[in-house]
Amino acid sequence: MTPLDSFKAFLKLESAGGILLMIAAAAALAVANSPAHALYQAFIDAPVEVRAGPLLIAKPLLLWINDGLMAVFFLLVGLEIKREMLEGQLSSPAQVALPAIAALGGMLLPAAIYAFCNWGDPVAVRGWAIPAATDIAFALGVLALVGSGVPPGLKVFLLTLAILDDFGAIAIIALVYTDQLSPASLLVAAAALAALAVLNLRRVAAITPYLLAGAVLWVAVLKSGVHATLAGVALAFFIPMRGREEGDSPLRRLEHDLHPAVAYAILPLFAFANAGVSLAGVTPASILAPVPLGIAAGLFAGKTVGVFAFSWMAIRLGLARLPEGVTWAALLGVSMLCGVGFTMSLFIASLAFDQGGPAYEVATRIGILGGSLLSALCGYLVLRAVLRPGRPA
């Protein structure tokens, strides 16, 4: 399979997965606001324990999804970033300049808007990174609904920006949302990383040894105080791009195997478990409270203005150029789609307010759902208008 074929297959998976994400989120909202709400709550609160001798991991199902299954998602993200850095869009400075500058604007301005809305609340301000993320699958799913008239350059721009955005989100999680550290667990994690390094240096092509060392790494990181999903990213960067045999790529094999499970199972399950917010008692005043308002405004206004303005500035200064076949109007539409935070925003919110209680949980979900839906709808309408048949992009 050529790199172009891989790229097309990736887009198809992500687009279909994005549509499935929308369905899962809608289902969660419907169930959470129906007589079956108690069953939904019992489902995500169900206790799950794994014991091996003195080692015990006991968490509700929601945290197994957020800490365990999402580590697989971050493993896939790490594989995509590594592949793109070695031979894809991130390997060429000329290709990466515009989405990199746009991604920077798309993270700075939403964070600033949220911080401005919540500056007086030291607990609420911890959520400044929530509107800084873009959901690749959801955004590409909306882009797929626009139709076949989307220029390839526009898809590449959105995909590259979202990957860089994920990289920034990973860095934020590692640097900001880390608890007190356990030296003993960090030593075990270091030993697992050393084992992965040996496997990589020996160019071991079999995936199983990496996954076994990765499982040890995940448990150690989980117990260390660093968020467990970062183990998935670390594991990804030790998977070799090329094996010993000509044409063999362990990284591509693992990425190909993980894509369907992540796109069609893990992310929809995460959306279903995290998007179910009861709207009982929600009033216009609660929607306009600082936390949901800061998130929604950050996602919709912050992402749109940040991505578009930084892109315009980069092009006007000669640092980058507009993708071939793409107009400013189409770029504006895609800038709006970058405000679909959803999966990553929900995930960061769960870290920012893990001790915040139900009030912050409801507030963040309202803001994320509202800002993401508004961004998706406006981005879709703009792109449908400027990319309709017979009109240049």
Protein backbone atom coordinates (compact mmCIF):
# COMPACT_ATOMS: atom_id res chain seq x y z
CA MET A 1 0.00 0.00 0.00
CA THR A 2 1.43 3.37 -1.02
CA PRO A 3 1.51 6.35 1.39
CA LEU A 4 -1.31 7.93 -0.65
CA ASP A 5 -3.44 4.78 -0.30
CA SER A 6 -2.76 4.75 3.45
CA PHE A 7 -3.78 8.40 3.69
CA LYS A 8 -7.07 7.75 1.84
CA ALA A 9 -7.83 4.73 4.02
CA PHE A 10 -7.09 6.81 7.13
CA LEU A 11 -9.52 9.51 6.02
CA LYS A 12 -12.27 6.97 5.34
CA LEU A 13 -11.83 5.39 8.78
CA GLU A 14 -11.68 8.71 10.60
CA SER A 15 -14.67 10.13 8.72
CA ALA A 16 -16.85 7.08 9.39
CA GLY A 17 -15.62 7.00 12.98
CA GLY A 18 -16.53 10.67 13.39
CA ILE A 19 -20.09 10.00 12.28
CA LEU A 20 -20.26 7.10 14.74
CA LEU A 21 -18.98 9.46 17.46
CA MET A 22 -21.90 11.80 16.79
CA ILE A 23 -24.36 8.92 17.10
CA ALA A 24 -22.78 7.70 20.36
CA ALA A 25 -22.83 11.19 21.87
CA ALA A 26 -26.46 11.71 20.85
CA ALA A 27 -27.38 8.31 22.33
CA ALA A 28 -25.65 9.19 25.62
CA LEU A 29 -27.53 12.48 25.86
CA ALA A 30 -30.83 10.76 25.09
CA VAL A 31 -30.32 8.01 27.68
CA ALA A 32 -29.04 10.44 30.34
CA ASN A 33 -32.23 12.47 29.96
CA SER A 34 -34.63 9.55 29.91
CA PRO A 35 -36.11 7.24 32.57
CA ALA A 36 -33.09 4.98 31.90
CA HIS A 37 -30.73 7.56 33.45
CA ALA A 38 -30.17 5.39 36.56
CA LEU A 39 -29.11 2.46 34.37
CA TYR A 40 -26.70 4.68 32.46
CA GLN A 41 -25.14 5.93 35.71
CA ALA A 42 -24.90 2.38 37.05
CA PHE A 43 -23.16 1.34 33.83
CA ILE A 44 -20.38 3.95 34.01
CA ASP A 45 -20.02 3.55 37.81
CA ALA A 46 -19.80 -0.27 37.71
CA PRO A 47 -16.75 -1.35 39.80
CA VAL A 48 -14.11 -3.33 37.90
CA GLU A 49 -11.09 -4.89 39.66
CA VAL A 50 -7.99 -6.62 38.33
CA ARG A 51 -5.71 -8.36 40.84
CA ALA A 52 -2.38 -10.11 40.31
CA GLY A 53 -0.85 -11.07 43.66
CA PRO A 54 -0.32 -7.87 45.68
CA LEU A 55 -1.07 -5.70 42.65
CA LEU A 56 -4.65 -4.39 42.65
CA ILE A 57 -6.23 -2.02 40.16
CA ALA A 58 -9.79 -1.12 41.17
CA LYS A 59 -11.67 1.57 39.26
CA PRO A 60 -15.22 2.28 38.07
CA LEU A 61 -15.84 1.36 34.44
CA LEU A 62 -15.70 5.04 33.40
CA LEU A 63 -12.07 5.30 34.56
CA TRP A 64 -11.13 2.00 32.89
CA ILE A 65 -12.39 3.55 29.68
CA ASN A 66 -10.67 6.90 30.27
CA ASP A 67 -7.37 5.53 31.63
CA GLY A 68 -7.20 2.15 29.89
CA LEU A 69 -8.93 2.19 26.53
CA MET A 70 -7.86 5.78 25.89
CA ALA A 71 -4.25 4.67 26.31
CA VAL A 72 -4.83 2.57 23.17
CA PHE A 73 -6.20 5.68 21.45
CA PHE A 74 -3.09 7.64 22.45
CA LEU A 75 -0.92 4.74 21.22
CA LEU A 76 -2.56 5.17 17.82
CA VAL A 77 -2.09 8.95 17.96
CA GLY A 78 1.58 8.43 18.80
CA LEU A 79 2.00 6.02 15.88
CA GLU A 80 0.40 8.53 13.52
CA ILE A 81 2.62 11.36 14.76
CA LYS A 82 5.79 9.25 14.41
CA ARG A 83 4.86 8.09 10.89
CA GLU A 84 4.03 11.62 9.80
CA MET A 85 7.32 12.91 11.27
CA LEU A 86 9.36 10.27 9.44
CA GLU A 87 7.75 10.23 6.02
CA GLY A 88 4.48 12.16 6.02
CA GLN A 89 3.17 15.71 6.31
CA LEU A 90 5.33 16.48 9.36
CA SER A 91 8.58 15.48 7.60
CA SER A 92 8.67 18.55 5.35
CA PRO A 93 9.09 22.01 6.92
CA ALA A 94 7.37 23.60 3.90
CA GLN A 95 4.29 21.38 4.31
CA VAL A 96 4.06 21.67 8.07
CA ALA A 97 4.57 25.44 8.37
CA LEU A 98 0.98 26.58 7.82
CA PRO A 99 -0.83 23.94 9.95
CA ALA A 100 1.82 24.30 12.69
CA ILE A 101 1.35 28.06 12.96
CA ALA A 102 -2.43 27.65 12.71
CA ALA A 103 -2.39 24.98 15.43
CA LEU A 104 -0.46 27.35 17.71
CA GLY A 105 -3.09 30.06 17.25
CA GLY A 106 -5.82 27.48 17.70
CA MET A 107 -4.45 26.56 21.11
CA LEU A 108 -3.40 29.95 22.46
CA LEU A 109 -6.54 31.98 21.80
CA PRO A 110 -9.11 29.42 23.13
CA ALA A 111 -7.02 29.00 26.30
CA ALA A 112 -6.83 32.78 26.71
CA ILE A 113 -10.60 33.20 26.26
CA TYR A 114 -11.34 30.50 28.83
CA ALA A 115 -8.83 31.93 31.31
CA PHE A 116 -10.32 35.41 30.87
CA CYS A 117 -13.84 34.09 31.64
CA ASN A 118 -12.69 32.18 34.75
CA TRP A 119 -9.79 34.23 36.08
CA GLY A 120 -11.38 34.87 39.48
CA ASP A 121 -11.91 31.16 40.25
CA PRO A 122 -8.67 29.27 41.06
CA VAL A 123 -10.39 25.89 40.63
CA ALA A 124 -12.19 26.70 37.39
CA VAL A 125 -9.09 28.22 35.78
CA ARG A 126 -7.46 24.76 35.87
CA GLY A 127 -9.59 23.94 32.85
CA TRP A 128 -7.83 26.46 30.57
CA ALA A 129 -6.65 23.67 28.22
CA ILE A 130 -10.14 22.19 27.64
CA PRO A 131 -11.03 24.29 24.54
CA ALA A 132 -7.48 24.04 23.11
CA ALA A 133 -8.00 20.57 21.58
CA THR A 134 -9.44 19.44 18.24
CA ASP A 135 -11.18 16.09 17.72
CA ILE A 136 -9.68 14.57 14.52
CA ALA A 137 -12.39 11.97 14.00
CA PHE A 138 -15.34 14.28 14.67
CA ALA A 139 -13.94 17.10 12.50
CA LEU A 140 -13.16 14.78 9.58
CA GLY A 141 -16.59 13.20 9.97
CA VAL A 142 -18.23 16.61 9.50
CA LEU A 143 -15.91 17.34 6.56
CA ALA A 144 -16.98 14.06 4.95
CA LEU A 145 -20.63 15.16 5.17
CA VAL A 146 -19.78 18.18 2.98
CA GLY A 147 -19.34 15.86 0.00
CA SER A 148 -16.73 14.98 -2.60
CA GLY A 149 -15.92 18.58 -3.57
CA VAL A 150 -13.48 19.11 -0.69
CA PRO A 151 -9.99 19.88 -2.10
CA PRO A 152 -7.27 17.40 -0.99
CA GLY A 153 -5.19 20.32 0.29
CA LEU A 154 -7.96 21.28 2.71
CA LYS A 155 -8.16 17.73 4.10
CA VAL A 156 -4.38 17.57 4.52
CA PHE A 157 -4.38 20.95 6.28
CA LEU A 158 -7.09 19.85 8.75
CA LEU A 159 -5.50 16.46 9.38
CA THR A 160 -1.99 17.86 9.94
CA LEU A 161 -3.31 20.64 12.19
CA ALA A 162 -5.32 18.16 14.26
CA ILE A 163 -2.31 15.84 14.66
CA LEU A 164 -0.16 18.76 15.84
CA ASP A 165 -3.02 19.81 18.10
CA ASP A 166 -3.02 16.32 19.64
CA PHE A 167 0.73 16.57 20.14
CA GLY A 168 0.20 19.83 22.03
CA ALA A 169 -2.58 18.26 24.13
CA ILE A 170 -0.26 15.37 25.04
CA ALA A 171 2.41 17.84 26.17
CA ILE A 172 -0.17 19.73 28.28
CA ILE A 173 -1.35 16.51 29.94
CA ALA A 174 2.24 15.53 30.75
CA LEU A 175 3.29 18.95 32.10
CA VAL A 176 0.12 20.27 33.74
CA TYR A 177 -2.18 17.43 34.78
CA THR A 178 0.26 15.24 36.71
CA ASP A 179 -0.33 14.22 40.34
CA GLN A 180 2.21 13.51 43.07
CA LEU A 181 4.83 11.11 41.75
CA SER A 182 5.73 7.63 43.05
CA PRO A 183 9.51 7.02 42.72
CA ALA A 184 9.12 3.22 42.85
CA SER A 185 6.56 3.17 40.05
CA LEU A 186 8.70 5.54 37.98
CA LEU A 187 11.64 3.15 38.32
CA VAL A 188 9.49 0.30 36.98
CA ALA A 189 8.36 2.57 34.12
CA ALA A 190 12.00 3.42 33.36
CA ALA A 191 12.85 -0.31 33.24
CA ALA A 192 9.97 -0.90 30.82
CA LEU A 193 11.18 1.97 28.63
CA ALA A 194 14.70 0.48 28.66
CA ALA A 195 13.28 -2.87 27.51
CA LEU A 196 11.39 -1.10 24.70
CA ALA A 197 14.59 0.70 23.68
CA VAL A 198 16.46 -2.62 23.44
CA LEU A 199 13.68 -4.11 21.30
CA ASN A 200 13.79 -1.05 19.04
CA LEU A 201 17.59 -1.05 18.69
CA ARG A 202 17.53 -4.75 17.79
CA ARG A 203 14.81 -3.94 15.23
CA VAL A 204 12.52 -6.65 16.56
CA ALA A 205 9.66 -6.82 14.08
CA ALA A 206 7.19 -8.85 16.18
CA ILE A 207 4.60 -6.64 17.87
CA THR A 208 3.89 -8.89 20.89
CA PRO A 209 7.10 -8.13 22.87
CA TYR A 210 6.43 -4.39 22.54
CA LEU A 211 2.84 -4.81 23.75
CA LEU A 212 3.93 -6.89 26.76
CA ALA A 213 6.51 -4.27 27.77
CA GLY A 214 3.88 -1.60 27.05
CA ALA A 215 1.42 -3.28 29.43
CA VAL A 216 4.02 -3.16 32.22
CA LEU A 217 4.70 0.46 31.33
CA TRP A 218 0.98 1.31 31.49
CA VAL A 219 0.55 -0.20 34.97
CA ALA A 220 3.69 1.54 36.24
CA VAL A 221 2.66 4.90 34.82
CA LEU A 222 -0.87 4.45 36.21
CA LYS A 223 0.59 3.93 39.70
CA SER A 224 3.24 6.65 39.31
CA GLY A 225 1.00 9.73 39.33
CA VAL A 226 1.63 10.53 35.65
CA HIS A 227 -1.51 10.03 33.58
CA ALA A 228 -1.64 6.46 32.27
CA THR A 229 -2.55 7.42 28.70
CA LEU A 230 0.95 8.86 28.23
CA ALA A 231 2.24 5.28 28.33
CA GLY A 232 0.50 4.73 24.99
CA VAL A 233 2.34 7.68 23.42
CA ALA A 234 5.69 6.53 24.84
CA LEU A 235 5.14 2.99 23.53
CA ALA A 236 4.34 4.31 20.04
CA PHE A 237 7.71 6.02 19.67
CA PHE A 238 9.56 2.73 20.25
CA ILE A 239 7.66 0.79 17.57
CA PRO A 240 10.12 0.63 14.62
CA MET A 241 9.09 2.16 11.33
CA ARG A 242 11.03 -0.49 9.41
CA GLY A 243 11.72 -4.12 10.28
CA ARG A 244 14.66 -6.24 9.21
CA GLU A 245 12.99 -7.41 6.01
CA GLU A 246 12.56 -5.15 3.01
CA GLY A 247 9.10 -3.56 2.91
CA ASP A 248 8.16 -4.64 6.45
CA SER A 249 6.89 -1.89 8.78
CA PRO A 250 5.87 -2.94 12.31
CA LEU A 251 4.55 0.59 12.90
CA ARG A 252 2.29 0.52 9.86
CA ARG A 253 1.06 -2.98 10.74
CA LEU A 254 0.13 -1.98 14.27
CA GLU A 255 -1.44 1.28 13.12
CA HIS A 256 -3.50 -0.61 10.52
CA ASP A 257 -4.65 -3.15 13.13
CA LEU A 258 -5.58 -0.52 15.73
CA HIS A 259 -7.47 1.90 13.48
CA PRO A 260 -10.77 -0.03 13.20
CA ALA A 261 -10.89 -0.84 16.93
CA VAL A 262 -10.20 2.78 17.91
CA ALA A 263 -12.48 4.39 15.31
CA TYR A 264 -15.42 2.00 15.65
CA ALA A 265 -15.26 0.87 19.28
CA ILE A 266 -12.97 2.77 21.67
CA LEU A 267 -13.84 6.36 20.71
CA PRO A 268 -17.61 5.75 20.40
CA LEU A 269 -17.56 3.98 23.80
CA PHE A 270 -15.62 6.91 25.28
CA ALA A 271 -18.15 9.33 23.79
CA PHE A 272 -21.08 7.32 25.14
CA ALA A 273 -19.55 7.10 28.63
CA ASN A 274 -18.58 10.79 28.84
CA ALA A 275 -21.23 12.72 26.90
CA GLY A 276 -24.22 11.65 28.96
CA VAL A 277 -25.10 14.77 30.89
CA SER A 278 -28.51 15.29 32.45
CA LEU A 279 -30.05 18.59 31.36
CA ALA A 280 -32.51 18.61 34.25
CA GLY A 281 -32.35 21.95 35.98
CA VAL A 282 -30.17 23.51 33.27
CA THR A 283 -31.17 27.15 32.75
CA PRO A 284 -29.91 29.93 30.47
CA ALA A 285 -28.05 31.30 33.49
CA SER A 286 -26.21 28.01 34.04
CA ILE A 287 -25.29 27.80 30.35
CA LEU A 288 -23.85 31.31 30.54
CA ALA A 289 -21.85 30.56 33.70
CA PRO A 290 -18.10 31.19 33.38
CA VAL A 291 -16.99 27.56 32.89
CA PRO A 292 -19.40 26.48 30.10
CA LEU A 293 -19.27 29.94 28.50
CA GLY A 294 -15.46 29.96 28.54
CA ILE A 295 -15.31 26.50 26.97
CA ALA A 296 -17.96 27.15 24.32
CA ALA A 297 -16.54 30.57 23.41
CA GLY A 298 -13.03 29.18 23.38
CA LEU A 299 -13.97 26.33 21.06
CA PHE A 300 -16.13 28.31 18.65
CA ALA A 301 -14.72 31.85 18.63
CA GLY A 302 -11.22 31.06 19.91
CA LYS A 303 -10.51 28.21 17.52
CA THR A 304 -12.03 29.97 14.51
CA VAL A 305 -10.22 33.26 15.03
CA GLY A 306 -7.00 31.66 16.29
CA VAL A 307 -6.59 29.22 13.39
CA PHE A 308 -7.73 31.65 10.68
CA ALA A 309 -5.84 34.72 11.97
CA PHE A 310 -2.56 32.87 12.52
CA SER A 311 -2.91 31.27 9.05
CA TRP A 312 -3.54 34.69 7.48
CA MET A 313 -0.56 36.16 9.32
CA ALA A 314 1.75 33.28 8.29
CA ILE A 315 0.74 33.60 4.63
CA ARG A 316 0.98 37.41 4.56
CA LEU A 317 4.44 37.28 6.16
CA GLY A 318 5.61 34.74 3.59
CA LEU A 319 6.15 31.99 6.18
CA ALA A 320 3.67 29.66 4.44
CA ARG A 321 1.30 29.57 1.51
CA LEU A 322 -2.36 28.77 1.05
CA PRO A 323 -2.86 25.09 0.05
CA GLU A 324 -3.47 24.53 -3.66
CA GLY A 325 -7.12 24.84 -4.66
CA VAL A 326 -8.14 26.34 -1.29
CA THR A 327 -9.72 29.79 -0.90
CA TRP A 328 -9.85 31.98 2.18
CA ALA A 329 -13.56 31.19 2.57
CA ALA A 330 -12.86 27.44 2.64
CA LEU A 331 -10.06 28.01 5.14
CA LEU A 332 -12.52 29.90 7.34
CA GLY A 333 -14.91 26.94 7.24
CA VAL A 334 -12.19 24.51 8.25
CA SER A 335 -11.06 26.91 11.00
CA MET A 336 -14.57 26.60 12.43
CA LEU A 337 -14.38 22.79 12.28
CA CYS A 338 -11.24 22.96 14.42
CA GLY A 339 -13.55 24.08 17.24
CA VAL A 340 -14.97 20.55 17.45
CA GLY A 341 -13.07 19.59 20.60
CA PHE A 342 -15.30 16.79 21.87
CA THR A 343 -13.18 13.68 22.63
CA MET A 344 -9.95 15.45 23.59
CA SER A 345 -11.79 18.26 25.38
CA LEU A 346 -13.86 15.79 27.42
CA PHE A 347 -10.70 13.90 28.26
CA ILE A 348 -8.79 16.99 29.41
CA ALA A 349 -11.85 18.12 31.41
CA SER A 350 -11.84 14.79 33.27
CA LEU A 351 -8.22 15.48 34.28
CA ALA A 352 -8.66 19.16 35.11
CA PHE A 353 -11.65 18.61 37.41
CA ASP A 354 -11.10 15.06 38.67
CA GLN A 355 -11.81 16.34 42.20
CA GLY A 356 -14.24 19.07 41.17
CA GLY A 357 -17.48 17.21 41.76
CA PRO A 358 -20.72 16.99 39.72
CA ALA A 359 -21.07 20.76 39.26
CA TYR A 360 -17.89 21.06 37.19
CA GLU A 361 -18.65 17.79 35.40
CA VAL A 362 -22.00 19.07 34.12
CA ALA A 363 -20.65 22.54 33.35
CA THR A 364 -17.73 21.26 31.28
CA ARG A 365 -19.87 18.81 29.31
CA ILE A 366 -22.43 21.51 28.50
CA GLY A 367 -19.68 23.83 27.29
CA ILE A 368 -17.91 21.15 25.26
CA LEU A 369 -21.08 19.83 23.63
CA GLY A 370 -22.40 23.33 22.92
CA GLY A 371 -19.13 24.69 21.52
CA SER A 372 -18.41 21.55 19.48
CA LEU A 373 -21.92 21.39 17.99
CA LEU A 374 -21.90 25.10 17.13
CA SER A 375 -18.47 24.76 15.49
CA ALA A 376 -19.53 21.67 13.56
CA LEU A 377 -22.77 23.22 12.32
CA CYS A 378 -21.26 26.58 11.29
CA GLY A 379 -18.22 24.94 9.70
CA TYR A 380 -20.44 22.56 7.74
CA LEU A 381 -22.73 25.35 6.49
CA VAL A 382 -19.81 27.57 5.41
CA LEU A 383 -18.06 24.73 3.59
CA ARG A 384 -21.30 23.59 1.91
CA ALA A 385 -21.79 27.15 0.65
CA VAL A 386 -18.27 27.71 -0.66
CA LEU A 387 -17.65 24.17 -1.97
CA ARG A 388 -20.97 23.60 -3.71
CA PRO A 389 -20.74 22.17 -7.29
CA GLY A 390 -19.74 24.69 -9.91
CA ARG A 391 -17.95 26.92 -7.40
CA PRO A 392 -14.18 26.96 -6.91
CA ALA A 393 -12.89 26.00 -3.49
